[in-house]
PDB file of all heavy atoms in Angstrom:
ATOM      1  N   VAL A   1      84.813  79.808  86.626  1.00  0.00           N
ATOM      2  CA  VAL A   1      85.862  78.819  86.871  1.00  0.00           C
ATOM      3  C   VAL A   1      86.008  78.547  88.363  1.00  0.00           C
ATOM      4  O   VAL A   1      86.087  77.396  88.798  1.00  0.00           O
ATOM      5  CB  VAL A   1      87.208  79.282  86.261  1.00  0.00           C
ATOM      6  CG1 VAL A   1      88.359  78.421  86.742  1.00  0.00           C
ATOM      7  CG2 VAL A   1      87.134  79.280  84.755  1.00  0.00           C
ATOM      8  N   GLY A   2      86.024  79.602  89.171  1.00  0.00           N
ATOM      9  CA  GLY A   2      86.134  79.428  90.618  1.00  0.00           C
ATOM     10  C   GLY A   2      84.975  78.636  91.190  1.00  0.00           C
ATOM     11  O   GLY A   2      85.156  77.728  92.010  1.00  0.00           O
ATOM     12  N   ALA A   3      83.763  78.963  90.760  1.00  0.00           N
ATOM     13  CA  ALA A   3      82.581  78.250  91.245  1.00  0.00           C
ATOM     14  C   ALA A   3      82.604  76.795  90.777  1.00  0.00           C
ATOM     15  O   ALA A   3      82.231  75.885  91.528  1.00  0.00           O
ATOM     16  CB  ALA A   3      81.320  78.948  90.759  1.00  0.00           C
ATOM     17  N   TYR A   4      83.049  76.556  89.561  1.00  0.00           N
ATOM     18  CA  TYR A   4      83.129  75.194  89.026  1.00  0.00           C
ATOM     19  C   TYR A   4      84.122  74.353  89.835  1.00  0.00           C
ATOM     20  O   TYR A   4      83.852  73.203  90.157  1.00  0.00           O
ATOM     21  CB  TYR A   4      83.534  75.231  87.555  1.00  0.00           C
ATOM     22  CG  TYR A   4      83.629  73.860  86.923  1.00  0.00           C
ATOM     23  CD1 TYR A   4      82.483  73.182  86.528  1.00  0.00           C
ATOM     24  CD2 TYR A   4      84.861  73.247  86.741  1.00  0.00           C
ATOM     25  CE1 TYR A   4      82.566  71.916  85.961  1.00  0.00           C
ATOM     26  CE2 TYR A   4      84.955  71.993  86.177  1.00  0.00           C
ATOM     27  CZ  TYR A   4      83.806  71.340  85.787  1.00  0.00           C
ATOM     28  OH  TYR A   4      83.893  70.089  85.241  1.00  0.00           O
ATOM     29  N   VAL A   5      85.274  74.944  90.179  1.00  0.00           N
ATOM     30  CA  VAL A   5      86.279  74.227  90.968  1.00  0.00           C
ATOM     31  C   VAL A   5      85.723  73.899  92.352  1.00  0.00           C
ATOM     32  O   VAL A   5      85.893  72.773  92.844  1.00  0.00           O
ATOM     33  CB  VAL A   5      87.587  75.051  91.069  1.00  0.00           C
ATOM     34  CG1 VAL A   5      88.526  74.461  92.099  1.00  0.00           C
ATOM     35  CG2 VAL A   5      88.261  75.136  89.717  1.00  0.00           C
ATOM     36  N   ILE A   6      85.046  74.836  92.969  1.00  0.00           N
ATOM     37  CA  ILE A   6      84.460  74.582  94.287  1.00  0.00           C
ATOM     38  C   ILE A   6      83.402  73.495  94.199  1.00  0.00           C
ATOM     39  O   ILE A   6      83.340  72.595  95.044  1.00  0.00           O
ATOM     40  CB  ILE A   6      83.879  75.884  94.883  1.00  0.00           C
ATOM     41  CG1 ILE A   6      85.026  76.819  95.281  1.00  0.00           C
ATOM     42  CG2 ILE A   6      82.990  75.579  96.084  1.00  0.00           C
ATOM     43  CD1 ILE A   6      84.588  78.189  95.723  1.00  0.00           C
ATOM     44  N   ASN A   7      82.571  73.531  93.175  1.00  0.00           N
ATOM     45  CA  ASN A   7      81.532  72.515  93.005  1.00  0.00           C
ATOM     46  C   ASN A   7      82.148  71.139  92.743  1.00  0.00           C
ATOM     47  O   ASN A   7      81.685  70.130  93.279  1.00  0.00           O
ATOM     48  CB  ASN A   7      80.596  72.908  91.865  1.00  0.00           C
ATOM     49  CG  ASN A   7      79.380  72.037  91.810  1.00  0.00           C
ATOM     50  OD1 ASN A   7      78.849  71.631  92.838  1.00  0.00           O
ATOM     51  ND2 ASN A   7      78.923  71.746  90.608  1.00  0.00           N
ATOM     52  N   THR A   8      83.188  71.087  91.940  1.00  0.00           N
ATOM     53  CA  THR A   8      83.867  69.824  91.649  1.00  0.00           C
ATOM     54  C   THR A   8      84.569  69.289  92.885  1.00  0.00           C
ATOM     55  O   THR A   8      84.625  68.081  93.097  1.00  0.00           O
ATOM     56  CB  THR A   8      84.881  70.020  90.505  1.00  0.00           C
ATOM     57  OG1 THR A   8      84.201  70.539  89.373  1.00  0.00           O
ATOM     58  CG2 THR A   8      85.556  68.724  90.137  1.00  0.00           C
ATOM     59  N   TYR A   9      85.078  70.166  93.722  1.00  0.00           N
ATOM     60  CA  TYR A   9      85.786  69.777  94.943  1.00  0.00           C
ATOM     61  C   TYR A   9      84.905  68.915  95.834  1.00  0.00           C
ATOM     62  O   TYR A   9      85.391  68.004  96.495  1.00  0.00           O
ATOM     63  CB  TYR A   9      86.231  71.035  95.684  1.00  0.00           C
ATOM     64  CG  TYR A   9      86.819  70.765  97.046  1.00  0.00           C
ATOM     65  CD1 TYR A   9      88.147  70.387  97.175  1.00  0.00           C
ATOM     66  CD2 TYR A   9      86.067  70.891  98.198  1.00  0.00           C
ATOM     67  CE1 TYR A   9      88.703  70.147  98.406  1.00  0.00           C
ATOM     68  CE2 TYR A   9      86.606  70.652  99.441  1.00  0.00           C
ATOM     69  CZ  TYR A   9      87.926  70.280  99.538  1.00  0.00           C
ATOM     70  OH  TYR A   9      88.463  70.036 100.765  1.00  0.00           O
ATOM     71  N   LYS A  10      83.604  69.166  95.828  1.00  0.00           N
ATOM     72  CA  LYS A  10      82.694  68.411  96.695  1.00  0.00           C
ATOM     73  C   LYS A  10      82.731  66.923  96.382  1.00  0.00           C
ATOM     74  O   LYS A  10      82.553  66.101  97.271  1.00  0.00           O
ATOM     75  CB  LYS A  10      81.269  68.945  96.552  1.00  0.00           C
ATOM     76  CG  LYS A  10      81.105  70.334  97.096  1.00  0.00           C
ATOM     77  CD  LYS A  10      79.698  70.860  96.850  1.00  0.00           C
ATOM     78  CE  LYS A  10      79.606  72.303  97.284  1.00  0.00           C
ATOM     79  NZ  LYS A  10      78.316  72.880  96.958  1.00  0.00           N
ATOM     80  N   SER A  11      82.975  66.549  95.136  1.00  0.00           N
ATOM     81  CA  SER A  11      83.020  65.139  94.753  1.00  0.00           C
ATOM     82  C   SER A  11      84.306  64.461  95.217  1.00  0.00           C
ATOM     83  O   SER A  11      84.324  63.252  95.407  1.00  0.00           O
ATOM     84  CB  SER A  11      82.912  65.002  93.239  1.00  0.00           C
ATOM     85  OG  SER A  11      81.708  65.544  92.777  1.00  0.00           O
ATOM     86  N   TYR A  12      85.373  65.231  95.387  1.00  0.00           N
ATOM     87  CA  TYR A  12      86.672  64.645  95.689  1.00  0.00           C
ATOM     88  C   TYR A  12      87.237  65.119  97.023  1.00  0.00           C
ATOM     89  O   TYR A  12      88.432  64.972  97.262  1.00  0.00           O
ATOM     90  CB  TYR A  12      87.664  64.981  94.577  1.00  0.00           C
ATOM     91  CG  TYR A  12      87.208  64.534  93.215  1.00  0.00           C
ATOM     92  CD1 TYR A  12      86.787  65.461  92.264  1.00  0.00           C
ATOM     93  CD2 TYR A  12      87.177  63.194  92.884  1.00  0.00           C
ATOM     94  CE1 TYR A  12      86.345  65.040  91.021  1.00  0.00           C
ATOM     95  CE2 TYR A  12      86.742  62.773  91.651  1.00  0.00           C
ATOM     96  CZ  TYR A  12      86.336  63.699  90.723  1.00  0.00           C
ATOM     97  OH  TYR A  12      85.903  63.286  89.505  1.00  0.00           O
ATOM     98  N   ASP A  13      86.408  65.650  97.909  1.00  0.00           N
ATOM     99  CA  ASP A  13      86.939  66.239  99.139  1.00  0.00           C
ATOM    100  C   ASP A  13      87.564  65.218 100.071  1.00  0.00           C
ATOM    101  O   ASP A  13      88.403  65.562 100.889  1.00  0.00           O
ATOM    102  CB  ASP A  13      85.891  67.081  99.864  1.00  0.00           C
ATOM    103  CG  ASP A  13      84.687  66.277 100.319  1.00  0.00           C
ATOM    104  OD1 ASP A  13      84.521  65.140  99.844  1.00  0.00           O
ATOM    105  OD2 ASP A  13      83.913  66.797 101.133  1.00  0.00           O
ATOM    106  N   ASN A  14      87.234  63.939  99.955  1.00  0.00           N
ATOM    107  CA  ASN A  14      87.890  62.939 100.795  1.00  0.00           C
ATOM    108  C   ASN A  14      89.336  62.721 100.382  1.00  0.00           C
ATOM    109  O   ASN A  14      90.150  62.293 101.184  1.00  0.00           O
ATOM    110  CB  ASN A  14      87.141  61.605 100.739  1.00  0.00           C
ATOM    111  CG  ASN A  14      85.870  61.646 101.544  1.00  0.00           C
ATOM    112  OD1 ASN A  14      85.673  62.522 102.367  1.00  0.00           O
ATOM    113  ND2 ASN A  14      84.998  60.696 101.305  1.00  0.00           N
ATOM    114  N   PHE A  15      89.665  62.981  99.127  1.00  0.00           N
ATOM    115  CA  PHE A  15      91.040  62.850  98.674  1.00  0.00           C
ATOM    116  C   PHE A  15      91.852  64.094  98.966  1.00  0.00           C
ATOM    117  O   PHE A  15      93.051  64.040  99.091  1.00  0.00           O
ATOM    118  CB  PHE A  15      91.098  62.565  97.174  1.00  0.00           C
ATOM    119  CG  PHE A  15      90.624  61.194  96.835  1.00  0.00           C
ATOM    120  CD1 PHE A  15      89.423  61.003  96.210  1.00  0.00           C
ATOM    121  CD2 PHE A  15      91.383  60.098  97.173  1.00  0.00           C
ATOM    122  CE1 PHE A  15      88.985  59.746  95.906  1.00  0.00           C
ATOM    123  CE2 PHE A  15      90.952  58.831  96.880  1.00  0.00           C
ATOM    124  CZ  PHE A  15      89.745  58.653  96.244  1.00  0.00           C
ATOM    125  N   LEU A  16      91.189  65.214  99.041  1.00  0.00           N
ATOM    126  CA  LEU A  16      91.872  66.479  99.305  1.00  0.00           C
ATOM    127  C   LEU A  16      91.525  66.925 100.710  1.00  0.00           C
ATOM    128  O   LEU A  16      90.808  67.888 100.917  1.00  0.00           O
ATOM    129  CB  LEU A  16      91.436  67.529  98.280  1.00  0.00           C
ATOM    130  CG  LEU A  16      91.684  67.153  96.824  1.00  0.00           C
ATOM    131  CD1 LEU A  16      91.017  68.133  95.899  1.00  0.00           C
ATOM    132  CD2 LEU A  16      93.164  67.065  96.548  1.00  0.00           C
ATOM    133  N   GLN A  17      92.048  66.188 101.698  1.00  0.00           N
ATOM    134  CA  GLN A  17      91.684  66.447 103.079  1.00  0.00           C
ATOM    135  C   GLN A  17      92.210  67.780 103.575  1.00  0.00           C
ATOM    136  O   GLN A  17      91.715  68.328 104.537  1.00  0.00           O
ATOM    137  CB  GLN A  17      92.185  65.314 103.965  1.00  0.00           C
ATOM    138  CG  GLN A  17      91.469  64.017 103.670  1.00  0.00           C
ATOM    139  CD  GLN A  17      92.058  62.846 104.401  1.00  0.00           C
ATOM    140  OE1 GLN A  17      93.124  62.944 105.000  1.00  0.00           O
ATOM    141  NE2 GLN A  17      91.374  61.737 104.363  1.00  0.00           N
ATOM    142  N   ASP A  18      93.205  68.302 102.915  1.00  0.00           N
ATOM    143  CA  ASP A  18      93.738  69.608 103.266  1.00  0.00           C
ATOM    144  C   ASP A  18      92.728  70.663 102.827  1.00  0.00           C
ATOM    145  O   ASP A  18      92.446  70.808 101.645  1.00  0.00           O
ATOM    146  CB  ASP A  18      95.075  69.827 102.563  1.00  0.00           C
ATOM    147  CG  ASP A  18      95.740  71.122 102.972  1.00  0.00           C
ATOM    148  OD1 ASP A  18      95.238  71.797 103.880  1.00  0.00           O
ATOM    149  OD2 ASP A  18      96.782  71.451 102.380  1.00  0.00           O
ATOM    150  N   LYS A  19      92.167  71.370 103.768  1.00  0.00           N
ATOM    151  CA  LYS A  19      91.135  72.355 103.445  1.00  0.00           C
ATOM    152  C   LYS A  19      91.685  73.536 102.663  1.00  0.00           C
ATOM    153  O   LYS A  19      90.941  74.331 102.124  1.00  0.00           O
ATOM    154  CB  LYS A  19      90.431  72.851 104.723  1.00  0.00           C
ATOM    155  CG  LYS A  19      89.678  71.745 105.428  1.00  0.00           C
ATOM    156  CD  LYS A  19      88.686  71.087 104.493  1.00  0.00           C
ATOM    157  CE  LYS A  19      88.023  69.900 105.141  1.00  0.00           C
ATOM    158  NZ  LYS A  19      87.311  69.054 104.238  1.00  0.00           N
ATOM    159  N   TYR A  20      92.999  73.651 102.580  1.00  0.00           N
ATOM    160  CA  TYR A  20      93.592  74.711 101.781  1.00  0.00           C
ATOM    161  C   TYR A  20      93.515  74.401 100.296  1.00  0.00           C
ATOM    162  O   TYR A  20      93.892  75.210  99.469  1.00  0.00           O
ATOM    163  CB  TYR A  20      95.050  74.959 102.192  1.00  0.00           C
ATOM    164  CG  TYR A  20      95.166  75.531 103.576  1.00  0.00           C
ATOM    165  CD1 TYR A  20      95.716  74.799 104.612  1.00  0.00           C
ATOM    166  CD2 TYR A  20      94.685  76.804 103.852  1.00  0.00           C
ATOM    167  CE1 TYR A  20      95.804  75.317 105.892  1.00  0.00           C
ATOM    168  CE2 TYR A  20      94.766  77.332 105.119  1.00  0.00           C
ATOM    169  CZ  TYR A  20      95.330  76.591 106.135  1.00  0.00           C
ATOM    170  OH  TYR A  20      95.400  77.109 107.389  1.00  0.00           O
ATOM    171  N   ALA A  21      93.025  73.218  99.948  1.00  0.00           N
ATOM    172  CA  ALA A  21      92.890  72.861  98.544  1.00  0.00           C
ATOM    173  C   ALA A  21      91.883  73.766  97.845  1.00  0.00           C
ATOM    174  O   ALA A  21      91.946  73.948  96.640  1.00  0.00           O
ATOM    175  CB  ALA A  21      92.471  71.394  98.406  1.00  0.00           C
ATOM    176  N   LEU A  22      90.948  74.331  98.589  1.00  0.00           N
ATOM    177  CA  LEU A  22      89.969  75.252  98.018  1.00  0.00           C
ATOM    178  C   LEU A  22      90.512  76.664  97.859  1.00  0.00           C
ATOM    179  O   LEU A  22      89.877  77.494  97.217  1.00  0.00           O
ATOM    180  CB  LEU A  22      88.726  75.320  98.913  1.00  0.00           C
ATOM    181  CG  LEU A  22      87.660  74.285  98.667  1.00  0.00           C
ATOM    182  CD1 LEU A  22      86.485  74.504  99.595  1.00  0.00           C
ATOM    183  CD2 LEU A  22      87.205  74.303  97.241  1.00  0.00           C
ATOM    184  N   LEU A  23      91.656  76.930  98.440  1.00  0.00           N
ATOM    185  CA  LEU A  23      92.214  78.279  98.419  1.00  0.00           C
ATOM    186  C   LEU A  23      92.384  78.831  97.000  1.00  0.00           C
ATOM    187  O   LEU A  23      92.002  79.986  96.757  1.00  0.00           O
ATOM    188  CB  LEU A  23      93.541  78.311  99.180  1.00  0.00           C
ATOM    189  CG  LEU A  23      94.122  79.685  99.467  1.00  0.00           C
ATOM    190  CD1 LEU A  23      93.129  80.525 100.261  1.00  0.00           C
ATOM    191  CD2 LEU A  23      95.421  79.561 100.210  1.00  0.00           C
ATOM    192  N   PRO A  24      92.890  78.070  96.037  1.00  0.00           N
ATOM    193  CA  PRO A  24      92.996  78.637  94.689  1.00  0.00           C
ATOM    194  C   PRO A  24      91.644  79.057  94.106  1.00  0.00           C
ATOM    195  O   PRO A  24      91.549  80.095  93.451  1.00  0.00           O
ATOM    196  CB  PRO A  24      93.609  77.496  93.871  1.00  0.00           C
ATOM    197  CG  PRO A  24      94.343  76.678  94.858  1.00  0.00           C
ATOM    198  CD  PRO A  24      93.535  76.758  96.118  1.00  0.00           C
ATOM    199  N   ALA A  25      90.599  78.275  94.347  1.00  0.00           N
ATOM    200  CA  ALA A  25      89.272  78.625  93.829  1.00  0.00           C
ATOM    201  C   ALA A  25      88.763  79.909  94.478  1.00  0.00           C
ATOM    202  O   ALA A  25      88.184  80.767  93.803  1.00  0.00           O
ATOM    203  CB  ALA A  25      88.293  77.488  94.056  1.00  0.00           C
ATOM    204  N   VAL A  26      88.972  80.050  95.771  1.00  0.00           N
ATOM    205  CA  VAL A  26      88.549  81.266  96.466  1.00  0.00           C
ATOM    206  C   VAL A  26      89.346  82.470  95.951  1.00  0.00           C
ATOM    207  O   VAL A  26      88.778  83.545  95.733  1.00  0.00           O
ATOM    208  CB  VAL A  26      88.711  81.096  97.991  1.00  0.00           C
ATOM    209  CG1 VAL A  26      88.477  82.396  98.731  1.00  0.00           C
ATOM    210  CG2 VAL A  26      87.770  80.010  98.512  1.00  0.00           C
ATOM    211  N   ILE A  27      90.627  82.263  95.728  1.00  0.00           N
ATOM    212  CA  ILE A  27      91.460  83.352  95.195  1.00  0.00           C
ATOM    213  C   ILE A  27      90.975  83.749  93.811  1.00  0.00           C
ATOM    214  O   ILE A  27      90.910  84.937  93.476  1.00  0.00           O
ATOM    215  CB  ILE A  27      92.943  82.946  95.188  1.00  0.00           C
ATOM    216  CG1 ILE A  27      93.471  82.873  96.619  1.00  0.00           C
ATOM    217  CG2 ILE A  27      93.773  83.911  94.357  1.00  0.00           C
ATOM    218  CD1 ILE A  27      94.872  82.318  96.750  1.00  0.00           C
ATOM    219  N   ILE A  28      90.619  82.765  92.993  1.00  0.00           N
ATOM    220  CA  ILE A  28      90.125  83.058  91.643  1.00  0.00           C
ATOM    221  C   ILE A  28      88.861  83.909  91.711  1.00  0.00           C
ATOM    222  O   ILE A  28      88.710  84.884  90.967  1.00  0.00           O
ATOM    223  CB  ILE A  28      89.869  81.751  90.857  1.00  0.00           C
ATOM    224  CG1 ILE A  28      91.196  81.121  90.465  1.00  0.00           C
ATOM    225  CG2 ILE A  28      89.031  82.007  89.613  1.00  0.00           C
ATOM    226  CD1 ILE A  28      91.055  79.739  89.857  1.00  0.00           C
ATOM    227  N   ILE A  29      87.952  83.580  92.620  1.00  0.00           N
ATOM    228  CA  ILE A  29      86.713  84.360  92.749  1.00  0.00           C
ATOM    229  C   ILE A  29      87.022  85.762  93.248  1.00  0.00           C
ATOM    230  O   ILE A  29      86.454  86.751  92.754  1.00  0.00           O
ATOM    231  CB  ILE A  29      85.711  83.629  93.663  1.00  0.00           C
ATOM    232  CG1 ILE A  29      85.206  82.367  92.956  1.00  0.00           C
ATOM    233  CG2 ILE A  29      84.545  84.537  94.031  1.00  0.00           C
ATOM    234  CD1 ILE A  29      84.333  81.475  93.808  1.00  0.00           C
ATOM    235  N   CYS A  30      87.933  85.886  94.207  1.00  0.00           N
ATOM    236  CA  CYS A  30      88.320  87.216  94.696  1.00  0.00           C
ATOM    237  C   CYS A  30      88.963  88.045  93.594  1.00  0.00           C
ATOM    238  O   CYS A  30      88.678  89.247  93.473  1.00  0.00           O
ATOM    239  CB  CYS A  30      89.271  87.084  95.887  1.00  0.00           C
ATOM    240  SG  CYS A  30      88.497  86.423  97.370  1.00  0.00           S
ATOM    241  N   VAL A  31      89.801  87.416  92.791  1.00  0.00           N
ATOM    242  CA  VAL A  31      90.429  88.123  91.666  1.00  0.00           C
ATOM    243  C   VAL A  31      89.360  88.584  90.677  1.00  0.00           C
ATOM    244  O   VAL A  31      89.441  89.686  90.132  1.00  0.00           O
ATOM    245  CB  VAL A  31      91.489  87.231  90.981  1.00  0.00           C
ATOM    246  CG1 VAL A  31      91.909  87.793  89.639  1.00  0.00           C
ATOM    247  CG2 VAL A  31      92.696  87.060  91.885  1.00  0.00           C
TER     248      VAL A  31
END
């Protein structure tokens, strides 16, 4: 799930200019 969110983020990164948008995916992988 974490890897999927990070991969999907690449398609929409211009809309999510806040780089903290990836934080939940990173937290999921750490968990």
